[in-house]
Amino acid sequence: MTKEQAIAAIELVELLYDPTRSDDADTRAVVAATAARLGIRPIDAAITLSERHPHP
């Protein structure tokens, strides 16, 4: 993993876990662009993070 990929991964986690961030077209576009920097689809990132996040 490159430094740029590591930063993109951190940004993606922050985007997907931030409860104050709205689910609007702008946010979805940023999530898609960040996921693309990692070579993955946004849905794959969301599923992977969801599986690893402890559910209350």
Protein backbone atom coordinates (compact mmCIF):
# COMPACT_ATOMS: atom_id res chain seq x y z
CA MET A 1 0.00 0.00 0.00
CA THR A 2 1.30 3.39 -0.92
CA LYS A 3 1.16 6.44 1.31
CA GLU A 4 -1.55 7.91 -0.94
CA GLN A 5 -3.62 4.72 -0.66
CA ALA A 6 -3.24 4.70 3.12
CA ILE A 7 -4.44 8.29 3.32
CA ALA A 8 -7.37 7.51 1.01
CA ALA A 9 -8.31 4.54 3.19
CA ILE A 10 -8.34 6.71 6.30
CA GLU A 11 -10.40 9.36 4.51
CA LEU A 12 -12.87 6.71 3.35
CA VAL A 13 -13.35 5.37 6.87
CA GLU A 14 -13.92 8.89 8.17
CA LEU A 15 -16.43 9.62 5.40
CA LEU A 16 -18.40 6.43 6.00
CA TYR A 17 -18.37 6.55 9.82
CA ASP A 18 -19.04 10.26 10.37
CA PRO A 19 -22.61 10.45 11.71
CA THR A 20 -22.75 14.19 11.10
CA ARG A 21 -22.10 13.84 7.37
CA SER A 22 -25.22 13.92 5.26
CA ASP A 23 -26.00 11.26 2.66
CA ASP A 24 -26.31 13.65 -0.26
CA ALA A 25 -24.97 13.62 -3.79
CA ASP A 26 -21.85 15.57 -2.83
CA THR A 27 -20.92 13.13 -0.08
CA ARG A 28 -21.57 10.14 -2.32
CA ALA A 29 -19.34 11.70 -4.99
CA VAL A 30 -16.50 12.19 -2.52
CA VAL A 31 -16.91 8.60 -1.26
CA ALA A 32 -16.86 7.30 -4.85
CA ALA A 33 -13.76 9.33 -5.75
CA THR A 34 -11.94 8.24 -2.60
CA ALA A 35 -12.82 4.59 -3.18
CA ALA A 36 -11.64 4.91 -6.78
CA ARG A 37 -8.23 6.06 -5.51
CA LEU A 38 -8.04 2.66 -3.80
CA GLY A 39 -9.30 0.78 -6.83
CA ILE A 40 -12.47 -0.41 -5.09
CA ARG A 41 -16.18 0.24 -5.38
CA PRO A 42 -17.80 2.37 -2.65
CA ILE A 43 -20.25 -0.42 -1.81
CA ASP A 44 -17.39 -2.85 -1.21
CA ALA A 45 -15.77 -0.41 1.20
CA ALA A 46 -19.05 0.11 3.04
CA ILE A 47 -19.70 -3.64 3.34
CA THR A 48 -16.19 -4.38 4.56
CA LEU A 49 -16.30 -1.61 7.14
CA SER A 50 -19.78 -2.65 8.25
CA GLU A 51 -18.61 -6.22 8.82
CA ARG A 52 -15.72 -5.00 10.97
CA HIS A 53 -17.63 -2.40 12.95
CA PRO A 54 -19.08 -3.65 16.22
CA HIS A 55 -22.85 -3.53 16.08
CA PRO A 56 -24.55 -2.50 19.33
